N, C-alpha and C. Protein backbone atom coordinates (compact mmCIF):
# COMPACT_ATOMS: atom_id res chain seq x y z
N GLY A 1 0.80 -1.19 0.00
CA GLY A 1 0.00 0.00 0.00
C GLY A 1 0.85 1.25 0.00
N VAL A 2 0.20 2.36 0.01
CA VAL A 2 0.85 3.66 -0.05
C VAL A 2 1.76 3.89 1.16
N LEU A 3 1.30 3.52 2.34
CA LEU A 3 2.11 3.70 3.55
C LEU A 3 3.42 2.94 3.44
N VAL A 4 3.33 1.69 3.02
CA VAL A 4 4.53 0.87 2.88
C VAL A 4 5.47 1.46 1.83
N ASP A 5 4.91 1.90 0.70
CA ASP A 5 5.73 2.50 -0.35
C ASP A 5 6.46 3.73 0.18
N TYR A 6 5.74 4.58 0.92
CA TYR A 6 6.34 5.81 1.44
C TYR A 6 7.46 5.51 2.43
N VAL A 7 7.19 4.70 3.44
CA VAL A 7 8.21 4.46 4.46
C VAL A 7 9.39 3.68 3.88
N SER A 8 9.12 2.80 2.93
CA SER A 8 10.19 2.02 2.33
C SER A 8 11.07 2.88 1.43
N ALA A 9 10.46 3.76 0.65
CA ALA A 9 11.25 4.63 -0.24
C ALA A 9 12.19 5.50 0.58
N GLY A 10 11.68 6.06 1.64
CA GLY A 10 12.55 6.87 2.49
C GLY A 10 13.65 6.04 3.09
N HIS A 11 13.27 4.91 3.61
CA HIS A 11 14.22 4.08 4.35
C HIS A 11 15.29 3.47 3.44
N PHE A 12 14.90 3.02 2.26
CA PHE A 12 15.83 2.28 1.42
C PHE A 12 16.40 3.06 0.24
N GLU A 13 15.84 4.23 -0.07
CA GLU A 13 16.32 4.97 -1.22
C GLU A 13 16.79 6.37 -0.85
N VAL A 14 15.90 7.18 -0.33
CA VAL A 14 16.20 8.59 -0.08
C VAL A 14 17.31 8.74 0.94
N TYR A 15 17.22 8.04 2.07
CA TYR A 15 18.24 8.19 3.11
C TYR A 15 19.61 7.76 2.59
N GLU A 16 19.63 6.71 1.79
CA GLU A 16 20.89 6.24 1.22
C GLU A 16 21.50 7.30 0.30
N GLN A 17 20.66 7.93 -0.53
CA GLN A 17 21.14 8.97 -1.43
C GLN A 17 21.67 10.17 -0.65
N LEU A 18 20.97 10.55 0.41
CA LEU A 18 21.43 11.67 1.23
C LEU A 18 22.77 11.35 1.88
N GLY A 19 22.92 10.14 2.37
CA GLY A 19 24.18 9.72 2.96
C GLY A 19 25.31 9.70 1.94
N ASP A 20 25.02 9.21 0.74
CA ASP A 20 26.02 9.21 -0.33
C ASP A 20 26.48 10.63 -0.65
N GLU A 21 25.53 11.55 -0.70
CA GLU A 21 25.88 12.94 -0.99
C GLU A 21 26.75 13.52 0.13
N ALA A 22 26.40 13.25 1.36
CA ALA A 22 27.19 13.76 2.49
C ALA A 22 28.61 13.20 2.44
N ARG A 23 28.74 11.92 2.12
CA ARG A 23 30.07 11.32 2.01
C ARG A 23 30.85 11.93 0.85
N ALA A 24 30.17 12.20 -0.26
CA ALA A 24 30.84 12.79 -1.42
C ALA A 24 31.40 14.17 -1.11
N PHE A 25 30.75 14.89 -0.20
CA PHE A 25 31.20 16.23 0.19
C PHE A 25 31.97 16.22 1.52
N ASN A 26 32.32 15.03 1.99
CA ASN A 26 33.03 14.90 3.27
C ASN A 26 32.35 15.70 4.37
N ASP A 27 31.05 15.58 4.44
CA ASP A 27 30.24 16.35 5.38
C ASP A 27 30.12 15.58 6.70
N GLU A 28 31.12 15.72 7.55
CA GLU A 28 31.14 15.00 8.82
C GLU A 28 29.97 15.39 9.71
N ARG A 29 29.65 16.69 9.75
CA ARG A 29 28.52 17.16 10.57
C ARG A 29 27.23 16.49 10.12
N GLY A 30 27.02 16.44 8.81
CA GLY A 30 25.82 15.81 8.27
C GLY A 30 25.77 14.32 8.56
N LEU A 31 26.90 13.66 8.44
CA LEU A 31 26.94 12.22 8.71
C LEU A 31 26.70 11.92 10.19
N GLU A 32 27.22 12.78 11.06
CA GLU A 32 26.97 12.60 12.49
C GLU A 32 25.48 12.80 12.80
N LEU A 33 24.88 13.80 12.16
CA LEU A 33 23.45 14.04 12.35
C LEU A 33 22.66 12.83 11.87
N ALA A 34 23.01 12.32 10.70
CA ALA A 34 22.32 11.15 10.15
C ALA A 34 22.44 9.96 11.10
N ASP A 35 23.62 9.76 11.65
CA ASP A 35 23.82 8.64 12.59
C ASP A 35 22.94 8.79 13.83
N THR A 36 22.65 10.03 14.19
CA THR A 36 21.79 10.30 15.35
C THR A 36 20.32 10.10 15.00
N ILE A 37 19.93 10.53 13.80
CA ILE A 37 18.52 10.52 13.40
C ILE A 37 18.07 9.16 12.86
N TYR A 38 18.93 8.45 12.14
CA TYR A 38 18.51 7.20 11.51
C TYR A 38 17.91 6.17 12.47
N PRO A 39 18.46 5.99 13.66
CA PRO A 39 17.83 5.02 14.57
C PRO A 39 16.38 5.38 14.91
N ARG A 40 16.09 6.65 15.08
CA ARG A 40 14.71 7.06 15.37
C ARG A 40 13.82 6.83 14.15
N LEU A 41 14.33 7.13 12.97
CA LEU A 41 13.57 6.87 11.75
C LEU A 41 13.29 5.38 11.59
N ASP A 42 14.24 4.56 11.99
CA ASP A 42 14.07 3.11 11.93
C ASP A 42 12.93 2.66 12.84
N VAL A 43 12.86 3.21 14.04
CA VAL A 43 11.77 2.88 14.97
C VAL A 43 10.42 3.26 14.37
N ILE A 44 10.35 4.45 13.78
CA ILE A 44 9.10 4.92 13.19
C ILE A 44 8.72 4.05 12.00
N THR A 45 9.70 3.69 11.17
CA THR A 45 9.44 2.83 10.02
C THR A 45 8.88 1.48 10.47
N LYS A 46 9.50 0.90 11.48
CA LYS A 46 9.04 -0.41 11.97
C LYS A 46 7.62 -0.33 12.52
N PHE A 47 7.30 0.75 13.24
CA PHE A 47 5.95 0.91 13.77
C PHE A 47 4.95 0.99 12.62
N ALA A 48 5.26 1.79 11.61
CA ALA A 48 4.35 1.97 10.47
C ALA A 48 4.15 0.65 9.72
N LEU A 49 5.22 -0.09 9.49
CA LEU A 49 5.11 -1.36 8.78
C LEU A 49 4.34 -2.39 9.59
N THR A 50 4.57 -2.44 10.89
CA THR A 50 3.84 -3.37 11.75
C THR A 50 2.35 -3.05 11.75
N PHE A 51 2.02 -1.77 11.87
CA PHE A 51 0.62 -1.34 11.83
C PHE A 51 -0.01 -1.74 10.51
N ASN A 52 0.67 -1.47 9.41
CA ASN A 52 0.16 -1.79 8.08
C ASN A 52 -0.03 -3.30 7.92
N ASP A 53 0.96 -4.08 8.32
CA ASP A 53 0.88 -5.54 8.18
C ASP A 53 -0.28 -6.11 9.00
N ARG A 54 -0.44 -5.60 10.21
CA ARG A 54 -1.51 -6.10 11.08
C ARG A 54 -2.87 -5.81 10.45
N CYS A 55 -3.04 -4.62 9.93
CA CYS A 55 -4.33 -4.27 9.32
C CYS A 55 -4.56 -5.04 8.02
N ASP A 56 -3.48 -5.26 7.25
CA ASP A 56 -3.60 -6.06 6.03
C ASP A 56 -4.07 -7.48 6.33
N LYS A 57 -3.69 -8.00 7.49
CA LYS A 57 -4.09 -9.35 7.88
C LYS A 57 -5.48 -9.38 8.49
N GLY A 58 -6.13 -8.21 8.58
CA GLY A 58 -7.48 -8.15 9.12
C GLY A 58 -7.53 -8.09 10.63
N ASP A 59 -6.40 -7.80 11.26
CA ASP A 59 -6.34 -7.75 12.72
C ASP A 59 -6.57 -6.32 13.22
N CYS A 60 -7.62 -5.71 12.72
CA CYS A 60 -7.95 -4.33 13.10
C CYS A 60 -9.40 -4.22 13.54
N SER A 61 -9.89 -5.26 14.19
CA SER A 61 -11.30 -5.28 14.55
C SER A 61 -11.63 -4.50 15.82
N ASP A 62 -10.64 -4.30 16.68
CA ASP A 62 -10.87 -3.55 17.92
C ASP A 62 -10.69 -2.06 17.63
N ALA A 63 -11.80 -1.36 17.45
CA ALA A 63 -11.77 0.04 17.05
C ALA A 63 -11.00 0.92 18.03
N THR A 64 -11.09 0.62 19.31
CA THR A 64 -10.39 1.42 20.31
C THR A 64 -8.88 1.30 20.15
N VAL A 65 -8.41 0.07 19.97
CA VAL A 65 -6.98 -0.17 19.79
C VAL A 65 -6.50 0.45 18.49
N VAL A 66 -7.25 0.26 17.42
CA VAL A 66 -6.87 0.81 16.12
C VAL A 66 -6.82 2.33 16.18
N ALA A 67 -7.80 2.95 16.81
CA ALA A 67 -7.82 4.41 16.91
C ALA A 67 -6.60 4.92 17.68
N LYS A 68 -6.25 4.23 18.76
CA LYS A 68 -5.08 4.62 19.55
C LYS A 68 -3.80 4.48 18.72
N GLU A 69 -3.65 3.35 18.04
CA GLU A 69 -2.46 3.12 17.22
C GLU A 69 -2.42 4.06 16.03
N PHE A 70 -3.57 4.35 15.44
CA PHE A 70 -3.62 5.26 14.30
C PHE A 70 -3.20 6.66 14.74
N ASN A 71 -3.65 7.08 15.91
CA ASN A 71 -3.24 8.37 16.45
C ASN A 71 -1.73 8.39 16.69
N GLN A 72 -1.21 7.31 17.26
CA GLN A 72 0.23 7.21 17.49
C GLN A 72 1.00 7.25 16.17
N LEU A 73 0.47 6.54 15.17
CA LEU A 73 1.10 6.54 13.85
C LEU A 73 1.15 7.96 13.28
N GLY A 74 0.06 8.69 13.42
CA GLY A 74 0.03 10.07 12.94
C GLY A 74 1.09 10.93 13.61
N GLN A 75 1.24 10.77 14.92
CA GLN A 75 2.25 11.54 15.66
C GLN A 75 3.66 11.14 15.21
N LEU A 76 3.86 9.84 15.02
CA LEU A 76 5.17 9.37 14.59
C LEU A 76 5.50 9.84 13.17
N LEU A 77 4.51 9.83 12.29
CA LEU A 77 4.76 10.31 10.93
C LEU A 77 5.06 11.81 10.93
N HIS A 78 4.38 12.56 11.78
CA HIS A 78 4.68 13.99 11.90
C HIS A 78 6.14 14.18 12.35
N GLU A 79 6.57 13.39 13.32
CA GLU A 79 7.96 13.45 13.78
C GLU A 79 8.90 13.07 12.64
N ARG A 80 8.53 12.04 11.89
CA ARG A 80 9.36 11.60 10.77
C ARG A 80 9.51 12.70 9.73
N PHE A 81 8.42 13.39 9.41
CA PHE A 81 8.49 14.48 8.43
C PHE A 81 9.49 15.54 8.89
N GLU A 82 9.45 15.88 10.17
CA GLU A 82 10.37 16.88 10.70
C GLU A 82 11.81 16.39 10.65
N LEU A 83 12.04 15.13 10.99
CA LEU A 83 13.38 14.57 10.93
C LEU A 83 13.89 14.51 9.49
N GLU A 84 13.01 14.13 8.57
CA GLU A 84 13.40 14.09 7.16
C GLU A 84 13.74 15.49 6.65
N ASP A 85 12.94 16.48 7.02
CA ASP A 85 13.22 17.86 6.61
C ASP A 85 14.60 18.29 7.11
N CYS A 86 14.91 17.92 8.34
CA CYS A 86 16.21 18.25 8.92
C CYS A 86 17.34 17.58 8.13
N LEU A 87 17.17 16.31 7.82
CA LEU A 87 18.18 15.59 7.04
C LEU A 87 18.37 16.21 5.67
N ILE A 88 17.28 16.53 5.00
CA ILE A 88 17.37 17.13 3.67
C ILE A 88 18.09 18.48 3.74
N GLU A 89 17.75 19.27 4.74
CA GLU A 89 18.39 20.58 4.90
C GLU A 89 19.90 20.43 5.11
N VAL A 90 20.28 19.52 5.99
CA VAL A 90 21.70 19.39 6.33
C VAL A 90 22.46 18.57 5.30
N LEU A 91 21.88 17.49 4.81
CA LEU A 91 22.61 16.58 3.92
C LEU A 91 22.48 16.92 2.44
N HIS A 92 21.54 17.77 2.08
CA HIS A 92 21.37 18.08 0.66
C HIS A 92 21.45 19.58 0.40
N ASN A 93 20.56 20.33 1.00
CA ASN A 93 20.50 21.76 0.71
C ASN A 93 21.79 22.49 1.06
N SER A 94 22.50 22.03 2.07
CA SER A 94 23.75 22.69 2.46
C SER A 94 24.83 22.54 1.38
N HIS A 95 24.64 21.62 0.46
CA HIS A 95 25.63 21.40 -0.61
C HIS A 95 25.20 22.01 -1.94
N LYS A 96 24.04 22.64 -1.99
CA LYS A 96 23.52 23.08 -3.29
C LYS A 96 24.42 24.11 -3.96
N GLU A 97 25.07 24.98 -3.19
CA GLU A 97 25.97 25.96 -3.80
C GLU A 97 27.19 25.27 -4.39
N GLU A 98 27.71 24.28 -3.70
CA GLU A 98 28.85 23.53 -4.21
C GLU A 98 28.47 22.76 -5.48
N ILE A 99 27.28 22.19 -5.48
CA ILE A 99 26.81 21.46 -6.66
C ILE A 99 26.63 22.41 -7.83
N ALA A 100 26.03 23.58 -7.58
CA ALA A 100 25.82 24.56 -8.64
C ALA A 100 27.15 25.03 -9.22
N ALA A 101 28.16 25.15 -8.39
CA ALA A 101 29.47 25.60 -8.85
C ALA A 101 30.14 24.55 -9.75
N GLN A 102 29.76 23.30 -9.58
CA GLN A 102 30.34 22.22 -10.39
C GLN A 102 29.71 22.11 -11.76
N VAL A 103 28.52 22.67 -11.91
CA VAL A 103 27.78 22.51 -13.17
C VAL A 103 28.27 23.47 -14.21
C-alpha cells in the first residue's frame, strides 16, 4: 500500500542517497546528524510497517486499539516528516551551492 511505499522509499532509497551525498562532500557534521537521526527513523518505520501488516491481515477489529495506534502513527509520521526535513536541509540543501558551482 501507499504507507509501505512511502516508508520504504525513504528508508531504502532517499536516506541512502542523502548519505552518499554527504560522504561525497566529506560532510562529517551531516553524517553525524544522520547517525543520530537514523535510529529514530528506523523505529518509526518499523511501527508503520507493523501497523500496516496487522491491518492487512485483518487484525484491526478492535476500534479502540486501532484508533489509539492510528493516532500514534500520525504523531510518529509527523515526527518523521520533521526529521526528514532536517536531514534534507543538512545533507542536501547545504551542498547546493557547491553542486551549482560544479555545473
